[in-house]
C-alpha atoms as a PDB file:
ATOM      1  CA  UNK A   1     -29.651  69.720 -44.595  1.00  0.00           C
ATOM      2  CA  UNK A   2     -26.988  67.224 -45.286  1.00  0.00           C
ATOM      3  CA  UNK A   3     -24.392  69.206 -43.357  1.00  0.00           C
ATOM      4  CA  UNK A   4     -26.639  69.247 -40.255  1.00  0.00           C
ATOM      5  CA  UNK A   5     -27.088  65.460 -40.392  1.00  0.00           C
ATOM      6  CA  UNK A   6     -23.387  64.930 -40.729  1.00  0.00           C
ATOM      7  CA  UNK A   7     -22.717  67.129 -37.653  1.00  0.00           C
ATOM      8  CA  UNK A   8     -25.334  65.212 -35.607  1.00  0.00           C
ATOM      9  CA  UNK A   9     -23.776  61.877 -36.575  1.00  0.00           C
ATOM     10  CA  UNK A  10     -20.322  63.113 -35.575  1.00  0.00           C
ATOM     11  CA  UNK A  11     -21.583  64.274 -32.164  1.00  0.00           C
ATOM     12  CA  UNK A  12     -23.144  60.907 -31.251  1.00  0.00           C
ATOM     13  CA  UNK A  13     -19.949  59.556 -29.517  1.00  0.00           C
ATOM     14  CA  UNK A  14     -19.009  59.740 -25.831  1.00  0.00           C
ATOM     15  CA  UNK A  15     -17.061  62.581 -24.350  1.00  0.00           C
ATOM     16  CA  UNK A  16     -13.760  61.984 -22.596  1.00  0.00           C
ATOM     17  CA  UNK A  17     -15.336  62.727 -19.187  1.00  0.00           C
ATOM     18  CA  UNK A  18     -18.094  60.186 -19.792  1.00  0.00           C
ATOM     19  CA  UNK A  19     -15.549  57.502 -20.689  1.00  0.00           C
ATOM     20  CA  UNK A  20     -13.521  58.252 -17.544  1.00  0.00           C
ATOM     21  CA  UNK A  21     -16.688  58.091 -15.451  1.00  0.00           C
ATOM     22  CA  UNK A  22     -17.694  54.692 -16.912  1.00  0.00           C
ATOM     23  CA  UNK A  23     -14.184  53.311 -16.409  1.00  0.00           C
ATOM     24  CA  UNK A  24     -14.041  54.457 -12.773  1.00  0.00           C
ATOM     25  CA  UNK A  25     -17.491  53.005 -11.980  1.00  0.00           C
ATOM     26  CA  UNK A  26     -16.595  49.695 -13.669  1.00  0.00           C
ATOM     27  CA  UNK A  27     -13.271  49.551 -11.825  1.00  0.00           C
ATOM     28  CA  UNK A  28     -14.959  50.209  -8.485  1.00  0.00           C
ATOM     29  CA  UNK A  29     -17.544  47.476  -9.069  1.00  0.00           C
ATOM     30  CA  UNK A  30     -14.850  44.985 -10.124  1.00  0.00           C
ATOM     31  CA  UNK A  31     -12.735  45.885  -7.101  1.00  0.00           C
ATOM     32  CA  UNK A  32     -15.680  45.288  -4.762  1.00  0.00           C
ATOM     33  CA  UNK A  33     -16.364  41.910  -6.406  1.00  0.00           C
ATOM     34  CA  UNK A  34     -12.714  40.857  -6.056  1.00  0.00           C
ATOM     35  CA  UNK A  35     -12.599  41.896  -2.367  1.00  0.00           C
ATOM     36  CA  UNK A  36     -15.789  39.950  -1.634  1.00  0.00           C
ATOM     37  CA  UNK A  37     -14.385  36.900  -3.429  1.00  0.00           C
ATOM     38  CA  UNK A  38     -11.116  37.065  -1.439  1.00  0.00           C
ATOM     39  CA  UNK A  39     -12.995  37.366   1.868  1.00  0.00           C
ATOM     40  CA  UNK A  40     -15.239  34.422   0.961  1.00  0.00           C
ATOM     41  CA  UNK A  41     -12.206  32.330  -0.025  1.00  0.00           C
ATOM     42  CA  UNK A  42     -10.432  33.115   3.267  1.00  0.00           C
ATOM     43  CA  UNK A  43     -13.537  32.161   5.244  1.00  0.00           C
ATOM     44  CA  UNK A  44     -13.813  28.932   3.278  1.00  0.00           C
ATOM     45  CA  UNK A  45     -10.195  28.005   4.033  1.00  0.00           C
ATOM     46  CA  UNK A  46     -10.641  28.889   7.696  1.00  0.00           C
ATOM     47  CA  UNK A  47     -13.804  26.766   7.959  1.00  0.00           C
ATOM     48  CA  UNK A  48     -12.139  23.850   6.186  1.00  0.00           C
ATOM     49  CA  UNK A  49      -9.178  23.912   8.607  1.00  0.00           C
ATOM     50  CA  UNK A  50     -11.471  24.087  11.656  1.00  0.00           C
ATOM     51  CA  UNK A  51     -13.714  21.297  10.384  1.00  0.00           C
ATOM     52  CA  UNK A  52     -10.759  19.043   9.624  1.00  0.00           C
ATOM     53  CA  UNK A  53      -9.219  19.472  13.085  1.00  0.00           C
ATOM     54  CA  UNK A  54     -12.580  19.202  14.880  1.00  0.00           C
ATOM     55  CA  UNK A  55     -13.565  16.075  12.955  1.00  0.00           C
ATOM     56  CA  UNK A  56     -10.203  14.357  13.406  1.00  0.00           C
ATOM     57  CA  UNK A  57     -10.069  15.196  17.123  1.00  0.00           C
ATOM     58  CA  UNK A  58     -13.565  13.915  17.826  1.00  0.00           C
ATOM     59  CA  UNK A  59     -12.922  10.764  15.802  1.00  0.00           C
ATOM     60  CA  UNK A  60      -9.633   9.978  17.582  1.00  0.00           C
ATOM     61  CA  UNK A  61     -11.162  10.516  21.032  1.00  0.00           C
ATOM     62  CA  UNK A  62     -14.074   8.243  20.084  1.00  0.00           C
ATOM     63  CA  UNK A  63     -11.793   5.472  18.771  1.00  0.00           C
ATOM     64  CA  UNK A  64      -9.504   5.684  21.816  1.00  0.00           C
ATOM     65  CA  UNK A  65     -12.482   5.569  24.171  1.00  0.00           C
ATOM     66  CA  UNK A  66     -13.809   2.469  22.387  1.00  0.00           C
ATOM     67  CA  UNK A  67     -10.402   0.761  22.535  1.00  0.00           C
ATOM     68  CA  UNK A  68     -10.066   1.508  26.267  1.00  0.00           C
ATOM     69  CA  UNK A  69     -13.622   0.343  27.022  1.00  0.00           C
ATOM     70  CA  UNK A  70     -13.151  -2.914  25.132  1.00  0.00           C
ATOM     71  CA  UNK A  71      -9.785  -3.652  26.769  1.00  0.00           C
ATOM     72  CA  UNK A  72      -9.058  -5.893  29.733  1.00  0.00           C
ATOM     73  CA  UNK A  73      -6.880  -3.295  31.463  1.00  0.00           C
ATOM     74  CA  UNK A  74      -4.303  -0.537  31.278  1.00  0.00           C
ATOM     75  CA  UNK A  75      -0.649  -1.552  31.185  1.00  0.00           C
ATOM     76  CA  UNK A  76       0.984   1.857  30.674  1.00  0.00           C
ATOM     77  CA  UNK A  77       0.967   4.473  31.982  1.00  0.00           C
ATOM     78  CA  UNK A  78       1.021   2.891  35.402  1.00  0.00           C
ATOM     79  CA  UNK A  79      -1.510   3.751  38.096  1.00  0.00           C
ATOM     80  CA  UNK A  80      -1.328   7.448  39.009  1.00  0.00           C
ATOM     81  CA  UNK A  81       1.191   8.222  36.243  1.00  0.00           C
ATOM     82  CA  UNK A  82       1.032  10.060  32.914  1.00  0.00           C
ATOM     83  CA  UNK A  83       2.730   9.343  29.627  1.00  0.00           C
ATOM     84  CA  UNK A  84       2.622   9.812  25.889  1.00  0.00           C
ATOM     85  CA  UNK A  85       2.198   6.081  25.193  1.00  0.00           C
ATOM     86  CA  UNK A  86      -0.926   4.100  26.055  1.00  0.00           C
ATOM     87  CA  UNK A  87      -0.628   0.323  26.257  1.00  0.00           C
ATOM     88  CA  UNK A  88      -3.762  -1.741  26.798  1.00  0.00           C
ATOM     89  CA  UNK A  89      -4.215  -5.442  27.443  1.00  0.00           C
ATOM     90  CA  UNK A  90      -6.924  -7.049  25.390  1.00  0.00           C
ATOM     91  CA  UNK A  91      -9.268 -10.011  25.786  1.00  0.00           C
ATOM     92  CA  UNK A  92      -8.279 -11.029  22.246  1.00  0.00           C
ATOM     93  CA  UNK A  93      -4.788 -12.570  22.359  1.00  0.00           C
ATOM     94  CA  UNK A  94      -4.077 -11.423  18.772  1.00  0.00           C
ATOM     95  CA  UNK A  95      -4.592  -7.786  19.781  1.00  0.00           C
ATOM     96  CA  UNK A  96      -2.255  -7.968  22.786  1.00  0.00           C
ATOM     97  CA  UNK A  97      -0.824  -5.469  23.455  1.00  0.00           C
ATOM     98  CA  UNK A  98      -2.697  -2.559  21.947  1.00  0.00           C
ATOM     99  CA  UNK A  99      -0.322   0.418  21.758  1.00  0.00           C
ATOM    100  CA  UNK A 100      -1.217   4.043  21.006  1.00  0.00           C
ATOM    101  CA  UNK A 101       1.713   6.414  20.507  1.00  0.00           C
ATOM    102  CA  UNK A 102       2.849   9.568  18.739  1.00  0.00           C
ATOM    103  CA  UNK A 103       5.110   8.932  15.732  1.00  0.00           C
ATOM    104  CA  UNK A 104       6.136  11.776  13.393  1.00  0.00           C
ATOM    105  CA  UNK A 105       3.265  14.120  14.318  1.00  0.00           C
ATOM    106  CA  UNK A 106       0.714  11.324  13.838  1.00  0.00           C
ATOM    107  CA  UNK A 107      -1.100   9.325  16.447  1.00  0.00           C
ATOM    108  CA  UNK A 108      -0.699   5.612  15.668  1.00  0.00           C
ATOM    109  CA  UNK A 109      -2.417   2.436  16.809  1.00  0.00           C
ATOM    110  CA  UNK A 110      -0.823  -1.009  16.818  1.00  0.00           C
ATOM    111  CA  UNK A 111      -2.813  -4.047  17.886  1.00  0.00           C
ATOM    112  CA  UNK A 112      -0.641  -7.039  18.742  1.00  0.00           C
ATOM    113  CA  UNK A 113       1.775  -7.902  15.980  1.00  0.00           C
ATOM    114  CA  UNK A 114      -0.487  -6.246  13.421  1.00  0.00           C
ATOM    115  CA  UNK A 115       0.265  -3.323  11.187  1.00  0.00           C
ATOM    116  CA  UNK A 116       0.657   0.169  12.662  1.00  0.00           C
ATOM    117  CA  UNK A 117      -2.286   2.345  11.648  1.00  0.00           C
ATOM    118  CA  UNK A 118      -2.292   6.157  11.515  1.00  0.00           C
ATOM    119  CA  UNK A 119      -5.242   7.473  13.509  1.00  0.00           C
ATOM    120  CA  UNK A 120      -4.932  10.963  12.008  1.00  0.00           C
ATOM    121  CA  UNK A 121      -4.713  11.968   8.366  1.00  0.00           C
ATOM    122  CA  UNK A 122      -2.021  13.963   6.585  1.00  0.00           C
ATOM    123  CA  UNK A 123      -3.856  17.313   6.918  1.00  0.00           C
ATOM    124  CA  UNK A 124      -3.534  17.478  10.703  1.00  0.00           C
ATOM    125  CA  UNK A 125      -0.629  17.027  13.045  1.00  0.00           C
ATOM    126  CA  UNK A 126      -0.625  15.948  16.663  1.00  0.00           C
ATOM    127  CA  UNK A 127       1.461  18.380  18.665  1.00  0.00           C
ATOM    128  CA  UNK A 128       0.787  16.836  22.066  1.00  0.00           C
ATOM    129  CA  UNK A 129      -0.740  13.673  23.482  1.00  0.00           C
ATOM    130  CA  UNK A 130      -0.940  12.697  27.128  1.00  0.00           C
ATOM    131  CA  UNK A 131      -2.559   9.715  28.794  1.00  0.00           C
ATOM    132  CA  UNK A 132      -3.174   9.966  32.529  1.00  0.00           C
ATOM    133  CA  UNK A 133      -3.984   6.777  34.422  1.00  0.00           C
ATOM    134  CA  UNK A 134      -6.451   7.789  37.131  1.00  0.00           C
ATOM    135  CA  UNK A 135      -7.078   4.225  38.297  1.00  0.00           C
ATOM    136  CA  UNK A 136      -7.537   3.547  41.969  1.00  0.00           C
ATOM    137  CA  UNK A 137      -6.744   0.400  43.906  1.00  0.00           C
ATOM    138  CA  UNK A 138      -8.917  -2.574  42.992  1.00  0.00           C
ATOM    139  CA  UNK A 139     -10.566  -0.778  40.041  1.00  0.00           C
ATOM    140  CA  UNK A 140     -10.538  -1.803  36.382  1.00  0.00           C
ATOM    141  CA  UNK A 141      -8.924   1.517  35.440  1.00  0.00           C
ATOM    142  CA  UNK A 142      -9.622   4.992  34.233  1.00  0.00           C
ATOM    143  CA  UNK A 143      -7.693   6.866  31.559  1.00  0.00           C
ATOM    144  CA  UNK A 144      -7.927  10.576  30.814  1.00  0.00           C
ATOM    145  CA  UNK A 145      -6.844  11.559  27.308  1.00  0.00           C
ATOM    146  CA  UNK A 146      -5.384  14.952  26.321  1.00  0.00           C
ATOM    147  CA  UNK A 147      -4.839  15.469  22.613  1.00  0.00           C
ATOM    148  CA  UNK A 148      -3.767  18.657  20.813  1.00  0.00           C
ATOM    149  CA  UNK A 149      -4.262  18.769  17.048  1.00  0.00           C
ATOM    150  CA  UNK A 150      -3.234  21.457  14.566  1.00  0.00           C
ATOM    151  CA  UNK A 151      -4.074  21.907  10.925  1.00  0.00           C
ATOM    152  CA  UNK A 152      -0.999  21.511   8.730  1.00  0.00           C
ATOM    153  CA  UNK A 153      -0.320  24.885   7.175  1.00  0.00           C
ATOM    154  CA  UNK A 154       2.074  23.981   4.391  1.00  0.00           C
ATOM    155  CA  UNK A 155       1.505  27.152   2.366  1.00  0.00           C
ATOM    156  CA  UNK A 156       1.765  29.571   5.294  1.00  0.00           C
ATOM    157  CA  UNK A 157      -1.704  31.146   5.167  1.00  0.00           C
ATOM    158  CA  UNK A 158      -2.899  32.551   8.474  1.00  0.00           C
ATOM    159  CA  UNK A 159      -6.403  31.343   7.613  1.00  0.00           C
ATOM    160  CA  UNK A 160      -5.175  27.739   7.839  1.00  0.00           C
ATOM    161  CA  UNK A 161      -3.727  28.086  11.337  1.00  0.00           C
ATOM    162  CA  UNK A 162      -5.989  26.310  13.803  1.00  0.00           C
ATOM    163  CA  UNK A 163      -5.164  24.319  16.928  1.00  0.00           C
ATOM    164  CA  UNK A 164      -7.481  22.674  19.399  1.00  0.00           C
ATOM    165  CA  UNK A 165      -7.071  20.474  22.476  1.00  0.00           C
ATOM    166  CA  UNK A 166      -9.435  17.559  22.956  1.00  0.00           C
ATOM    167  CA  UNK A 167     -10.179  15.717  26.182  1.00  0.00           C
ATOM    168  CA  UNK A 168     -11.621  12.298  26.823  1.00  0.00           C
ATOM    169  CA  UNK A 169     -12.072   9.836  29.633  1.00  0.00           C
ATOM    170  CA  UNK A 170     -12.705   6.100  29.480  1.00  0.00           C
ATOM    171  CA  UNK A 171     -12.667   3.008  31.671  1.00  0.00           C
ATOM    172  CA  UNK A 172     -12.101  -0.624  30.715  1.00  0.00           C
ATOM    173  CA  UNK A 173     -15.197  -2.761  31.257  1.00  0.00           C
END
């Protein structure tokens, strides 16, 4: 009887085929998990880039519209012209002139002799800005704003490439 028990105990291990089967199933499951994780990470990066550009664009258009509405008038571009610099005259002498311009891929705002402020953060770049003065004769003014923002893709991932053009329109009051 002892020899039968010894043989049963020796046969309790896994066969080579069973081990290969377990390894292949485990590898397949791990591979699926890794692929899902990579896809989720790419979608997260893509969403982050889109949200950053969308948020910055909407914020800049809103700030520019407020500055134009609260200004006395439009100095540049002149009536009927377009340009990449917007100069506004203000009711507040300390904020005269208010200048919006593109410097080193950033849209900047300078009010009077005050400090120049970046209107966009370091994660987006302004690739194009255009101000079109649509003012007519004897009107306070009307400015159309065209602004193209791109997400800065410093590491070269295609998921981080996102560009959008924003439009706005405002009149001094």
